[in-house]
Amino acid sequence: MPVTVRPLAPADWPALWPMLRDMGVTDEPPEAHRARYLCLLADPRWVILGAEAGGDLLGYAAVQDHGPHLRGDEHRTARLHDLYVRPELRRGGVGRSLLAAVREWAATRVRHLEWQAHHERAAPFYERLGHRGDPCPQPDHPTFQIHFDPPS
């Protein structure tokens, strides 16, 4: 079944919530997490994308555009906060589809996309796609970056 990626909507919350819990959330009540989700959906600096097949949510990605940079758009950066695929579906192309959609979204807005990934649990996925992480202050979480060409 083909995977499609689209921006999530308020109605996607019930399918998203178990994924957020699996990623790790604070001890706040679920209602507080849902309120934050709804707030971020309404914020034009954020996109929360969902991968689905047959109406079933398979994974999600959350990306934030940090907005204009004081020194100009050459420095404008977005951060990939989360990229999650349900465990039973990993290594099946869902993550690749999500990252492609993240890149497409970011390339129209910023010059740089960056993220950190755990060196054992997540970095190998990005490395299989040809990305290389650089050391950062958290030694178990290398930093990955994609640089986009300026618009012509």
C-alpha atoms as a PDB file:
ATOM      1  CA  MET A   1       0.000   0.000   0.000  1.00  0.00           C
ATOM      2  CA  PRO A   2       1.462   3.412  -0.923  1.00  0.00           C
ATOM      3  CA  VAL A   3       2.481   5.810   1.847  1.00  0.00           C
ATOM      4  CA  THR A   4       1.303   9.402   1.654  1.00  0.00           C
ATOM      5  CA  VAL A   5       2.560  12.267   3.808  1.00  0.00           C
ATOM      6  CA  ARG A   6       0.354  15.188   4.757  1.00  0.00           C
ATOM      7  CA  PRO A   7       0.114  17.867   7.437  1.00  0.00           C
ATOM      8  CA  LEU A   8      -1.682  16.512  10.472  1.00  0.00           C
ATOM      9  CA  ALA A   9      -4.956  17.986  11.711  1.00  0.00           C
ATOM     10  CA  PRO A  10      -6.703  18.183  15.098  1.00  0.00           C
ATOM     11  CA  ALA A  11      -8.632  14.989  14.298  1.00  0.00           C
ATOM     12  CA  ASP A  12      -5.335  13.045  14.084  1.00  0.00           C
ATOM     13  CA  TRP A  13      -4.674  13.434  17.809  1.00  0.00           C
ATOM     14  CA  PRO A  14      -5.982   9.977  18.907  1.00  0.00           C
ATOM     15  CA  ALA A  15      -3.612   8.215  16.473  1.00  0.00           C
ATOM     16  CA  LEU A  16      -0.682  10.532  17.269  1.00  0.00           C
ATOM     17  CA  TRP A  17      -0.875  10.328  21.067  1.00  0.00           C
ATOM     18  CA  PRO A  18       0.457   6.727  21.411  1.00  0.00           C
ATOM     19  CA  MET A  19       3.426   7.664  19.193  1.00  0.00           C
ATOM     20  CA  LEU A  20       4.231  10.697  21.331  1.00  0.00           C
ATOM     21  CA  ARG A  21       4.068   8.554  24.472  1.00  0.00           C
ATOM     22  CA  ASP A  22       6.437   6.054  22.866  1.00  0.00           C
ATOM     23  CA  MET A  23       8.867   8.871  21.956  1.00  0.00           C
ATOM     24  CA  GLY A  24       8.753  10.074  25.552  1.00  0.00           C
ATOM     25  CA  VAL A  25       6.622  12.860  26.980  1.00  0.00           C
ATOM     26  CA  THR A  26       6.602  14.787  30.239  1.00  0.00           C
ATOM     27  CA  ASP A  27       4.344  13.825  33.141  1.00  0.00           C
ATOM     28  CA  GLU A  28       1.760  16.438  32.187  1.00  0.00           C
ATOM     29  CA  PRO A  29      -1.783  15.143  31.663  1.00  0.00           C
ATOM     30  CA  PRO A  30      -2.697  14.121  28.105  1.00  0.00           C
ATOM     31  CA  GLU A  31      -4.942  17.190  27.823  1.00  0.00           C
ATOM     32  CA  ALA A  32      -1.891  19.465  28.198  1.00  0.00           C
ATOM     33  CA  HIS A  33      -0.093  17.603  25.413  1.00  0.00           C
ATOM     34  CA  ARG A  34      -3.164  17.822  23.197  1.00  0.00           C
ATOM     35  CA  ALA A  35      -3.442  21.577  23.846  1.00  0.00           C
ATOM     36  CA  ARG A  36       0.224  22.015  22.864  1.00  0.00           C
ATOM     37  CA  TYR A  37      -0.355  19.958  19.702  1.00  0.00           C
ATOM     38  CA  LEU A  38      -3.306  22.147  18.713  1.00  0.00           C
ATOM     39  CA  CYS A  39      -1.280  25.287  19.405  1.00  0.00           C
ATOM     40  CA  LEU A  40       1.599  24.082  17.217  1.00  0.00           C
ATOM     41  CA  LEU A  41      -0.779  23.105  14.407  1.00  0.00           C
ATOM     42  CA  ALA A  42      -1.952  26.728  14.344  1.00  0.00           C
ATOM     43  CA  ASP A  43       1.583  28.175  14.421  1.00  0.00           C
ATOM     44  CA  PRO A  44       2.833  28.891  10.874  1.00  0.00           C
ATOM     45  CA  ARG A  45       6.438  28.318  11.999  1.00  0.00           C
ATOM     46  CA  TRP A  46       5.671  24.649  12.637  1.00  0.00           C
ATOM     47  CA  VAL A  47       4.595  21.708  10.538  1.00  0.00           C
ATOM     48  CA  ILE A  48       3.621  18.330  11.904  1.00  0.00           C
ATOM     49  CA  LEU A  49       3.509  15.810   9.086  1.00  0.00           C
ATOM     50  CA  GLY A  50       1.947  12.383   9.195  1.00  0.00           C
ATOM     51  CA  ALA A  51       2.684   9.361   7.039  1.00  0.00           C
ATOM     52  CA  GLU A  52      -0.336   7.219   6.375  1.00  0.00           C
ATOM     53  CA  ALA A  53      -1.512   4.283   4.330  1.00  0.00           C
ATOM     54  CA  GLY A  54      -5.123   3.243   4.013  1.00  0.00           C
ATOM     55  CA  GLY A  55      -6.160   5.877   6.559  1.00  0.00           C
ATOM     56  CA  ASP A  56      -3.776   4.430   9.193  1.00  0.00           C
ATOM     57  CA  LEU A  57      -1.206   6.807  10.743  1.00  0.00           C
ATOM     58  CA  LEU A  58       2.213   5.132  10.454  1.00  0.00           C
ATOM     59  CA  GLY A  59       4.494   7.852  11.770  1.00  0.00           C
ATOM     60  CA  TYR A  60       5.010  11.579  12.103  1.00  0.00           C
ATOM     61  CA  ALA A  61       7.616  14.336  11.863  1.00  0.00           C
ATOM     62  CA  ALA A  62       7.604  17.691  13.672  1.00  0.00           C
ATOM     63  CA  VAL A  63       9.630  20.593  12.247  1.00  0.00           C
ATOM     64  CA  GLN A  64      10.071  24.183  13.403  1.00  0.00           C
ATOM     65  CA  ASP A  65      11.207  27.112  11.275  1.00  0.00           C
ATOM     66  CA  HIS A  66      13.184  29.345  13.640  1.00  0.00           C
ATOM     67  CA  GLY A  67      12.102  32.341  11.579  1.00  0.00           C
ATOM     68  CA  PRO A  68      14.095  35.255  10.187  1.00  0.00           C
ATOM     69  CA  HIS A  69      17.718  35.434  11.234  1.00  0.00           C
ATOM     70  CA  LEU A  70      19.217  38.685  12.483  1.00  0.00           C
ATOM     71  CA  ARG A  71      22.099  38.348   9.995  1.00  0.00           C
ATOM     72  CA  GLY A  72      19.886  37.509   7.012  1.00  0.00           C
ATOM     73  CA  ASP A  73      18.190  34.582   5.338  1.00  0.00           C
ATOM     74  CA  GLU A  74      21.551  32.902   4.589  1.00  0.00           C
ATOM     75  CA  HIS A  75      21.379  31.782   8.233  1.00  0.00           C
ATOM     76  CA  ARG A  76      17.690  30.904   8.477  1.00  0.00           C
ATOM     77  CA  THR A  77      17.355  27.452  10.031  1.00  0.00           C
ATOM     78  CA  ALA A  78      14.662  24.890  10.717  1.00  0.00           C
ATOM     79  CA  ARG A  79      14.930  22.144  13.296  1.00  0.00           C
ATOM     80  CA  LEU A  80      13.565  18.642  12.921  1.00  0.00           C
ATOM     81  CA  HIS A  81      12.379  17.922  16.455  1.00  0.00           C
ATOM     82  CA  ASP A  82      10.858  14.466  15.933  1.00  0.00           C
ATOM     83  CA  LEU A  83      10.744  11.809  13.270  1.00  0.00           C
ATOM     84  CA  TYR A  84       8.921   8.711  14.453  1.00  0.00           C
ATOM     85  CA  VAL A  85       7.755   5.535  12.751  1.00  0.00           C
ATOM     86  CA  ARG A  86       5.765   2.863  14.556  1.00  0.00           C
ATOM     87  CA  PRO A  87       8.256   0.140  15.566  1.00  0.00           C
ATOM     88  CA  GLU A  88       6.605  -2.667  13.596  1.00  0.00           C
ATOM     89  CA  LEU A  89       6.823  -0.577  10.411  1.00  0.00           C
ATOM     90  CA  ARG A  90      10.434   0.545  10.606  1.00  0.00           C
ATOM     91  CA  ARG A  91      12.793  -0.160   7.691  1.00  0.00           C
ATOM     92  CA  GLY A  92       9.860  -0.150   5.285  1.00  0.00           C
ATOM     93  CA  GLY A  93      10.248   3.315   3.737  1.00  0.00           C
ATOM     94  CA  VAL A  94       7.944   5.287   6.037  1.00  0.00           C
ATOM     95  CA  GLY A  95      10.811   7.244   7.628  1.00  0.00           C
ATOM     96  CA  ARG A  96      12.324   7.909   4.219  1.00  0.00           C
ATOM     97  CA  SER A  97       8.968   9.324   3.033  1.00  0.00           C
ATOM     98  CA  LEU A  98       8.665  11.523   6.110  1.00  0.00           C
ATOM     99  CA  LEU A  99      12.209  12.873   5.769  1.00  0.00           C
ATOM    100  CA  ALA A 100      11.626  13.608   2.070  1.00  0.00           C
ATOM    101  CA  ALA A 101       8.509  15.624   2.976  1.00  0.00           C
ATOM    102  CA  VAL A 102      10.423  17.439   5.730  1.00  0.00           C
ATOM    103  CA  ARG A 103      13.153  18.351   3.237  1.00  0.00           C
ATOM    104  CA  GLU A 104      10.578  19.575   0.734  1.00  0.00           C
ATOM    105  CA  TRP A 105       8.880  21.761   3.363  1.00  0.00           C
ATOM    106  CA  ALA A 106      12.168  23.155   4.689  1.00  0.00           C
ATOM    107  CA  ALA A 107      13.702  23.838   1.271  1.00  0.00           C
ATOM    108  CA  THR A 108      10.953  26.364   0.524  1.00  0.00           C
ATOM    109  CA  ARG A 109      11.513  28.260   3.795  1.00  0.00           C
ATOM    110  CA  VAL A 110      15.065  28.034   5.123  1.00  0.00           C
ATOM    111  CA  ARG A 111      18.701  27.593   4.109  1.00  0.00           C
ATOM    112  CA  HIS A 112      19.541  24.976   6.746  1.00  0.00           C
ATOM    113  CA  LEU A 113      17.722  22.041   8.287  1.00  0.00           C
ATOM    114  CA  GLU A 114      19.294  20.523  11.377  1.00  0.00           C
ATOM    115  CA  TRP A 115      18.572  17.845  13.940  1.00  0.00           C
ATOM    116  CA  GLN A 116      20.211  15.612  16.506  1.00  0.00           C
ATOM    117  CA  ALA A 117      19.784  11.859  16.568  1.00  0.00           C
ATOM    118  CA  HIS A 118      20.759   9.257  19.137  1.00  0.00           C
ATOM    119  CA  HIS A 119      23.960   7.608  17.901  1.00  0.00           C
ATOM    120  CA  GLU A 120      22.588   4.049  18.243  1.00  0.00           C
ATOM    121  CA  ARG A 121      18.812   4.323  17.921  1.00  0.00           C
ATOM    122  CA  ALA A 122      18.348   6.951  15.199  1.00  0.00           C
ATOM    123  CA  ALA A 123      21.627   8.059  13.595  1.00  0.00           C
ATOM    124  CA  PRO A 124      22.049   4.815  11.598  1.00  0.00           C
ATOM    125  CA  PHE A 125      18.772   5.567   9.787  1.00  0.00           C
ATOM    126  CA  TYR A 126      20.013   8.982   8.656  1.00  0.00           C
ATOM    127  CA  GLU A 127      23.415   7.552   7.759  1.00  0.00           C
ATOM    128  CA  ARG A 128      21.761   4.937   5.512  1.00  0.00           C
ATOM    129  CA  LEU A 129      20.228   7.877   3.652  1.00  0.00           C
ATOM    130  CA  GLY A 130      23.668   9.430   3.127  1.00  0.00           C
ATOM    131  CA  HIS A 131      23.716  11.981   5.949  1.00  0.00           C
ATOM    132  CA  ARG A 132      26.682  12.310   8.279  1.00  0.00           C
ATOM    133  CA  GLY A 133      26.434  13.571  11.829  1.00  0.00           C
ATOM    134  CA  ASP A 134      28.908  15.945  13.415  1.00  0.00           C
ATOM    135  CA  PRO A 135      29.864  15.851  17.090  1.00  0.00           C
ATOM    136  CA  CYS A 136      27.859  18.127  19.335  1.00  0.00           C
ATOM    137  CA  PRO A 137      27.878  18.934  23.079  1.00  0.00           C
ATOM    138  CA  GLN A 138      25.720  15.850  23.683  1.00  0.00           C
ATOM    139  CA  PRO A 139      28.175  13.158  22.570  1.00  0.00           C
ATOM    140  CA  ASP A 140      25.459  10.506  22.152  1.00  0.00           C
ATOM    141  CA  HIS A 141      23.498  12.743  19.755  1.00  0.00           C
ATOM    142  CA  PRO A 142      25.407  13.799  16.631  1.00  0.00           C
ATOM    143  CA  THR A 143      24.104  16.826  14.744  1.00  0.00           C
ATOM    144  CA  PHE A 144      22.914  16.371  11.184  1.00  0.00           C
ATOM    145  CA  GLN A 145      22.455  19.209   8.709  1.00  0.00           C
ATOM    146  CA  ILE A 146      21.138  19.738   5.215  1.00  0.00           C
ATOM    147  CA  HIS A 147      22.082  22.939   3.420  1.00  0.00           C
ATOM    148  CA  PHE A 148      19.754  24.169   0.711  1.00  0.00           C
ATOM    149  CA  ASP A 149      20.774  26.288  -2.260  1.00  0.00           C
ATOM    150  CA  PRO A 150      19.516  29.843  -2.210  1.00  0.00           C
ATOM    151  CA  PRO A 151      16.433  30.440  -4.328  1.00  0.00           C
ATOM    152  CA  SER A 152      17.279  31.473  -7.882  1.00  0.00           C
END
